[in-house]
Amino acid sequence: MLRFVLPLTIALVAAPVSAQDSITVELSNFHFTPSALTLHHGQAYTLHIVNTASGGHDFVAPEFFAASQIAPADRAKVAGGKVDVGGGEAVDIHFTAPAHAATYKLKCSHFLHASFGMTGSITVD
C-alpha cells in the first residue's frame, strides 16, 4: 500500500499552486492598446503598463482596483485607483482579479484625453 501513497504525495507537492498571467497595456497619444481587457475572477495577474508617448498618461480604474487584491508592495502605485505613468516609462502592478464577474470603466484622466478616445474597459468573467 505504501507504493501507491508515495507517488501520489510527490505529485501533489510538485504541483504549482497558481500561475500568474502577464498583461501588457500600451498608453500612447489618446489610446490604450488593448482598450478592452478580459480577466478571470480570482486569477493572479501582473499588469505591465507601458507609456510609449513622450508626455504623461494615467490608467484610471478606481472601481476595478478597489475590487481587486493589490499586492502590498504595489498599493502605493494605485493610490485612488489611478496609476501615473510618465512619458517613456513603465509600471508593473501585481494583483488578483475581483472574485465576481463585472465590467469596469478605464480612462486616462489627463485633460481631454478621455474625450479624444483614451477610454476602455476591464471585464472580469
Protein backbone atom coordinates (compact mmCIF):
# COMPACT_ATOMS: atom_id res chain seq x y z
CA MET A 1 0.00 0.00 0.00
CA LEU A 2 2.87 2.39 0.66
CA ARG A 3 3.92 2.11 -3.01
CA PHE A 4 0.70 3.82 -4.10
CA VAL A 5 0.72 6.58 -1.49
CA LEU A 6 4.27 7.80 -2.08
CA PRO A 7 3.91 8.65 -5.83
CA LEU A 8 0.65 10.47 -5.14
CA THR A 9 2.28 12.52 -2.37
CA ILE A 10 5.16 13.52 -4.62
CA ALA A 11 2.77 14.59 -7.37
CA LEU A 12 0.78 16.81 -5.00
CA VAL A 13 3.90 18.50 -3.64
CA ALA A 14 5.30 19.16 -7.14
CA ALA A 15 2.08 20.73 -8.49
CA PRO A 16 2.19 24.54 -8.80
CA VAL A 17 -0.12 26.49 -6.51
CA SER A 18 -1.21 29.01 -9.18
CA ALA A 19 0.08 30.63 -12.31
CA GLN A 20 0.36 34.37 -12.77
CA ASP A 21 -0.54 35.83 -16.15
CA SER A 22 1.03 38.98 -17.50
CA ILE A 23 -0.96 41.60 -19.40
CA THR A 24 0.68 44.50 -21.20
CA VAL A 25 -1.27 47.69 -21.87
CA GLU A 26 0.35 50.36 -24.01
CA LEU A 27 -0.54 54.00 -23.42
CA SER A 28 0.01 56.25 -26.43
CA ASN A 29 -1.48 59.54 -27.53
CA PHE A 30 -5.20 59.06 -26.87
CA HIS A 31 -5.23 55.23 -26.96
CA PHE A 32 -4.99 52.22 -24.68
CA THR A 33 -3.78 49.14 -26.56
CA PRO A 34 -5.65 46.94 -25.95
CA SER A 35 -8.56 49.07 -24.82
CA ALA A 36 -10.64 46.09 -23.64
CA LEU A 37 -9.19 43.64 -21.12
CA THR A 38 -10.79 40.36 -20.11
CA LEU A 39 -9.66 38.74 -16.87
CA HIS A 40 -10.73 35.62 -14.97
CA HIS A 41 -12.13 36.15 -11.48
CA GLY A 42 -9.74 35.19 -8.69
CA GLN A 43 -6.76 34.81 -11.07
CA ALA A 44 -3.39 36.40 -10.25
CA TYR A 45 -2.01 38.85 -12.82
CA THR A 46 0.82 41.26 -13.47
CA LEU A 47 -0.38 44.38 -15.26
CA HIS A 48 2.52 45.89 -17.23
CA ILE A 49 1.56 49.43 -18.23
CA VAL A 50 3.88 51.00 -20.81
CA ASN A 51 3.66 54.65 -21.83
CA THR A 52 5.12 54.97 -25.34
CA ALA A 53 4.30 58.68 -25.57
CA SER A 54 6.68 61.46 -24.59
CA GLY A 55 4.13 63.03 -22.20
CA GLY A 56 2.49 61.56 -19.13
CA HIS A 57 -0.66 59.45 -19.04
CA ASP A 58 -2.51 57.55 -16.36
CA PHE A 59 -4.51 54.34 -16.07
CA VAL A 60 -7.63 55.17 -14.05
CA ALA A 61 -9.97 52.36 -12.95
CA PRO A 62 -10.91 53.07 -9.30
CA GLU A 63 -13.77 50.57 -9.04
CA PHE A 64 -11.64 47.82 -10.56
CA PHE A 65 -8.66 48.45 -8.27
CA ALA A 66 -10.95 48.71 -5.22
CA ALA A 67 -12.44 45.28 -6.01
CA SER A 68 -9.05 43.66 -6.73
CA GLN A 69 -6.47 42.42 -4.26
CA ILE A 70 -3.41 44.57 -4.94
CA ALA A 71 -0.02 43.24 -3.82
CA PRO A 72 1.12 45.17 -0.71
CA ALA A 73 4.29 46.38 -2.47
CA ASP A 74 2.21 47.89 -5.30
CA ARG A 75 -0.61 49.56 -3.33
CA ALA A 76 1.07 52.98 -3.32
CA LYS A 77 1.26 52.87 -7.15
CA VAL A 78 -2.55 52.58 -7.30
CA ALA A 79 -3.45 55.44 -4.95
CA GLY A 80 -7.05 56.49 -5.54
CA GLY A 81 -7.48 53.88 -8.27
CA LYS A 82 -5.07 55.71 -10.57
CA VAL A 83 -1.65 54.63 -11.88
CA ASP A 84 0.51 57.51 -13.16
CA VAL A 85 2.95 56.61 -15.92
CA GLY A 86 5.45 59.20 -17.10
CA GLY A 87 6.47 59.56 -20.72
CA GLY A 88 8.59 56.62 -21.87
CA GLU A 89 8.13 54.82 -18.53
CA ALA A 90 6.53 51.56 -17.44
CA VAL A 91 4.81 50.44 -14.23
CA ASP A 92 4.01 46.91 -13.04
CA ILE A 93 1.04 46.17 -10.78
CA HIS A 94 0.64 42.69 -9.23
CA PHE A 95 -2.93 41.83 -8.27
CA THR A 96 -5.62 39.20 -8.05
CA ALA A 97 -8.72 39.92 -10.13
CA PRO A 98 -12.01 40.54 -8.31
CA ALA A 99 -13.89 37.48 -7.09
CA HIS A 100 -17.07 38.27 -9.01
CA ALA A 101 -17.88 38.89 -12.67
CA ALA A 102 -18.25 42.56 -13.57
CA THR A 103 -17.23 45.19 -16.12
CA TYR A 104 -15.25 48.25 -15.06
CA LYS A 105 -14.52 51.52 -16.85
CA LEU A 106 -10.98 52.59 -17.70
CA LYS A 107 -9.76 56.05 -18.75
CA CYS A 108 -6.90 58.50 -18.80
CA SER A 109 -7.77 61.47 -16.60
CA HIS A 110 -5.39 63.96 -18.22
CA PHE A 111 -7.14 67.00 -19.72
CA LEU A 112 -9.32 65.95 -22.71
CA HIS A 113 -7.57 62.56 -23.14
CA ALA A 114 -10.76 60.57 -22.45
CA SER A 115 -12.70 62.91 -24.77
CA PHE A 116 -10.21 62.11 -27.54
CA GLY A 117 -10.80 58.37 -27.05
CA MET A 118 -8.44 57.30 -24.28
CA THR A 119 -11.01 55.05 -22.62
CA GLY A 120 -11.52 51.34 -22.24
CA SER A 121 -13.00 48.55 -20.16
CA ILE A 122 -11.92 45.72 -17.91
CA THR A 123 -14.24 42.71 -17.88
CA VAL A 124 -13.92 40.05 -15.21
CA ASP A 125 -15.62 36.76 -16.08
